[in-house]
Amino acid sequence: MNAISRYPVPELQDMPADIRDRIVAVQEKAGFVPNVFLTLAHRPDEFRAFFAYHDALMEKQSGLTKAEREMIVVATSGANQCLYCVVAHGAILRIRAKNPLIADQVAVNYRKADITPRQSAMLDFAMKTSQQPWTIGDADFEALRAHGFSDEDIWDIGGVAAFFALSNRMANLINMRPNDEFYTMGREKR
């Protein structure tokens, strides 16, 4: 079996109780433990901070749908060549969008994906935030406002892109391996 990280992965029984409880809850819900939980448990304080910010961005009520937030993750992770996030969040995107094709389209070239002009503008900004944040200006905000995004929505787009830029770099640093389960999730039309 291939290693899921180049760093040591603690055994579940050796993890702090709060982290162990979160992992068990995820396992009960998903039917398996996504490797991101196991690999980041190597550093408990960073695990807690990572997932607190993740949840604040990805689980809150927002002008962005949960599927749109996953689109941001998949598009920017593809640009950052993060295999873990493309595969794992691609699975979540397929499920949340109820579309077995969308994640592959967005990961490879969102400009040719079957998405709305509003979503394309959202991903243009997310990519700029991820790849060239120093070039963001007022015109970028105006372009998003023209598609109905509020300033808070724009913060959310940038926040998700920025957070996953960190996540992509850490996943590559530690050589985080995607779970096999993610590759097939959400691929069958229902």
Protein backbone atom coordinates (compact mmCIF):
# COMPACT_ATOMS: atom_id res chain seq x y z
CA MET A 1 0.00 0.00 0.00
CA ASN A 2 1.26 3.47 -0.87
CA ALA A 3 1.99 5.93 1.90
CA ILE A 4 -0.57 8.73 2.30
CA SER A 5 2.04 11.26 3.47
CA ARG A 6 5.79 11.60 3.58
CA TYR A 7 5.39 12.56 7.26
CA PRO A 8 4.35 10.19 10.05
CA VAL A 9 0.61 9.63 10.39
CA PRO A 10 -0.44 9.09 14.01
CA GLU A 11 -2.62 6.17 14.97
CA LEU A 12 -6.20 7.12 15.80
CA GLN A 13 -5.85 6.04 19.44
CA ASP A 14 -2.79 8.30 19.84
CA MET A 15 -4.53 11.47 18.62
CA PRO A 16 -5.97 14.12 20.96
CA ALA A 17 -9.60 13.33 21.83
CA ASP A 18 -11.12 16.27 19.91
CA ILE A 19 -9.29 15.31 16.72
CA ARG A 20 -10.10 11.64 17.16
CA ASP A 21 -13.79 12.51 17.69
CA ARG A 22 -13.88 14.63 14.53
CA ILE A 23 -12.26 11.89 12.48
CA VAL A 24 -14.68 9.26 13.78
CA ALA A 25 -17.64 11.56 12.95
CA VAL A 26 -16.33 12.06 9.40
CA GLN A 27 -15.84 8.32 9.01
CA GLU A 28 -19.39 7.63 10.15
CA LYS A 29 -20.79 10.18 7.68
CA ALA A 30 -18.58 9.38 4.65
CA GLY A 31 -17.94 5.69 5.21
CA PHE A 32 -14.17 6.27 5.13
CA VAL A 33 -11.63 8.75 6.50
CA PRO A 34 -10.37 11.28 3.96
CA ASN A 35 -6.58 11.26 4.12
CA VAL A 36 -6.42 15.00 4.78
CA PHE A 37 -7.70 14.34 8.32
CA LEU A 38 -5.14 11.64 9.00
CA THR A 39 -2.16 13.46 7.52
CA LEU A 40 -2.82 16.82 9.17
CA ALA A 41 -3.24 15.09 12.56
CA HIS A 42 0.58 14.97 12.55
CA ARG A 43 0.36 18.55 13.90
CA PRO A 44 -2.71 18.85 16.11
CA ASP A 45 -2.69 22.65 16.56
CA GLU A 46 -2.42 23.18 12.81
CA PHE A 47 -5.12 20.54 12.21
CA ARG A 48 -7.51 22.50 14.43
CA ALA A 49 -6.69 25.85 12.82
CA PHE A 50 -6.92 24.42 9.29
CA PHE A 51 -10.32 22.85 9.79
CA ALA A 52 -11.70 25.84 11.70
CA TYR A 53 -10.89 28.12 8.76
CA HIS A 54 -12.00 25.48 6.23
CA ASP A 55 -15.38 25.19 7.93
CA ALA A 56 -15.77 28.97 8.25
CA LEU A 57 -15.31 29.33 4.48
CA MET A 58 -16.94 26.20 3.12
CA GLU A 59 -19.88 25.53 5.44
CA LYS A 60 -21.39 28.95 6.11
CA GLN A 61 -24.41 30.56 4.49
CA SER A 62 -23.20 32.64 1.58
CA GLY A 63 -24.17 34.12 -1.77
CA LEU A 64 -22.14 31.24 -3.21
CA THR A 65 -23.62 27.77 -3.33
CA LYS A 66 -21.65 24.92 -1.82
CA ALA A 67 -21.14 23.58 -5.36
CA GLU A 68 -19.73 26.95 -6.48
CA ARG A 69 -17.27 26.94 -3.59
CA GLU A 70 -16.16 23.46 -4.66
CA MET A 71 -15.75 24.76 -8.24
CA ILE A 72 -13.31 27.35 -6.90
CA VAL A 73 -11.36 24.65 -5.08
CA VAL A 74 -11.21 22.36 -8.11
CA ALA A 75 -10.25 25.09 -10.62
CA THR A 76 -7.53 26.65 -8.47
CA SER A 77 -6.24 23.27 -7.29
CA GLY A 78 -5.91 22.18 -10.91
CA ALA A 79 -3.84 25.31 -11.63
CA ASN A 80 -1.73 24.58 -8.54
CA GLN A 81 -1.29 20.95 -9.61
CA CYS A 82 -2.69 19.59 -6.37
CA LEU A 83 -3.74 16.02 -7.05
CA TYR A 84 -5.31 15.55 -3.61
CA CYS A 85 -7.60 18.57 -3.80
CA VAL A 86 -8.60 18.05 -7.44
CA VAL A 87 -9.57 14.44 -6.74
CA ALA A 88 -11.19 14.91 -3.32
CA HIS A 89 -13.00 18.18 -4.03
CA GLY A 90 -13.81 17.00 -7.54
CA ALA A 91 -15.80 14.20 -5.94
CA ILE A 92 -17.59 16.65 -3.66
CA LEU A 93 -18.28 18.98 -6.62
CA ARG A 94 -19.80 16.15 -8.67
CA ILE A 95 -22.10 15.29 -5.78
CA ARG A 96 -23.08 18.85 -4.86
CA ALA A 97 -23.64 19.88 -8.49
CA LYS A 98 -25.34 16.55 -9.28
CA ASN A 99 -23.22 16.49 -12.43
CA PRO A 100 -20.75 13.66 -13.14
CA LEU A 101 -18.86 15.72 -15.77
CA ILE A 102 -18.36 19.09 -14.11
CA ALA A 103 -15.31 18.40 -11.92
CA ASP A 104 -13.15 17.11 -14.77
CA GLN A 105 -14.17 20.04 -16.97
CA VAL A 106 -13.42 22.61 -14.26
CA ALA A 107 -10.12 20.99 -13.25
CA VAL A 108 -8.74 20.93 -16.78
CA ASN A 109 -10.14 24.16 -18.27
CA TYR A 110 -13.07 25.89 -16.60
CA ARG A 111 -13.37 28.24 -19.61
CA LYS A 112 -14.69 25.30 -21.63
CA ALA A 113 -16.79 23.79 -18.83
CA ASP A 114 -20.56 23.62 -18.83
CA ILE A 115 -20.97 26.47 -16.33
CA THR A 116 -22.84 29.78 -16.33
CA PRO A 117 -21.26 33.13 -17.30
CA ARG A 118 -21.62 34.11 -13.60
CA GLN A 119 -19.65 31.03 -12.52
CA SER A 120 -17.04 31.70 -15.19
CA ALA A 121 -16.55 35.25 -13.85
CA MET A 122 -16.31 33.81 -10.33
CA LEU A 123 -13.59 31.38 -11.44
CA ASP A 124 -11.71 34.10 -13.35
CA PHE A 125 -11.44 36.02 -10.07
CA ALA A 126 -10.61 32.92 -8.05
CA MET A 127 -7.81 32.04 -10.47
CA LYS A 128 -6.47 35.59 -10.30
CA THR A 129 -6.52 35.41 -6.50
CA SER A 130 -4.72 32.05 -6.58
CA GLN A 131 -2.20 32.77 -9.32
CA GLN A 132 -1.68 36.57 -9.55
CA PRO A 133 -3.19 38.23 -6.49
CA TRP A 134 -1.07 41.37 -6.86
CA THR A 135 -2.98 42.20 -10.07
CA ILE A 136 -6.43 42.41 -8.40
CA GLY A 137 -7.99 45.82 -8.82
CA ASP A 138 -11.28 47.70 -8.75
CA ALA A 139 -12.17 46.51 -12.26
CA ASP A 140 -12.19 42.92 -10.99
CA PHE A 141 -14.73 43.85 -8.31
CA GLU A 142 -16.88 45.71 -10.84
CA ALA A 143 -16.87 42.69 -13.17
CA LEU A 144 -18.12 40.47 -10.35
CA ARG A 145 -20.73 42.99 -9.21
CA ALA A 146 -22.05 43.03 -12.80
CA HIS A 147 -22.80 39.31 -12.32
CA GLY A 148 -24.68 39.94 -9.08
CA PHE A 149 -21.94 39.18 -6.57
CA SER A 150 -21.90 41.30 -3.41
CA ASP A 151 -18.69 42.52 -1.81
CA GLU A 152 -19.10 39.78 0.81
CA ASP A 153 -19.45 37.17 -1.96
CA ILE A 154 -16.26 38.53 -3.53
CA TRP A 155 -14.47 38.12 -0.19
CA ASP A 156 -15.75 34.53 -0.09
CA ILE A 157 -14.46 33.80 -3.60
CA GLY A 158 -11.05 35.22 -2.73
CA GLY A 159 -11.01 33.57 0.69
CA VAL A 160 -11.70 30.10 -0.71
CA ALA A 161 -9.07 30.55 -3.44
CA ALA A 162 -6.49 31.83 -0.95
CA PHE A 163 -7.17 29.15 1.65
CA PHE A 164 -6.86 26.39 -0.91
CA ALA A 165 -3.64 27.90 -2.26
CA LEU A 166 -2.26 27.12 1.20
CA SER A 167 -3.92 23.70 1.22
CA ASN A 168 -2.56 22.86 -2.25
CA ARG A 169 0.97 23.76 -1.24
CA MET A 170 0.81 21.73 1.98
CA ALA A 171 -0.71 18.72 0.20
CA ASN A 172 2.13 18.82 -2.32
CA LEU A 173 4.74 19.35 0.41
CA ILE A 174 3.64 16.31 2.39
CA ASN A 175 2.77 14.27 -0.73
CA MET A 176 -0.80 13.72 0.44
CA ARG A 177 -2.36 10.84 -1.46
CA PRO A 178 -6.06 10.99 -2.41
CA ASN A 179 -8.25 8.19 -1.09
CA ASP A 180 -9.19 5.69 -3.78
CA GLU A 181 -12.87 6.21 -2.87
CA PHE A 182 -12.83 9.78 -4.19
CA TYR A 183 -12.05 8.76 -7.77
CA THR A 184 -15.42 7.12 -8.37
CA MET A 185 -17.75 9.20 -6.17
CA GLY A 186 -20.49 11.07 -8.01
CA ARG A 187 -19.62 9.70 -11.43
CA GLU A 188 -22.85 7.80 -12.10
CA LYS A 189 -25.92 9.77 -13.16
CA ARG A 190 -28.76 9.25 -10.73
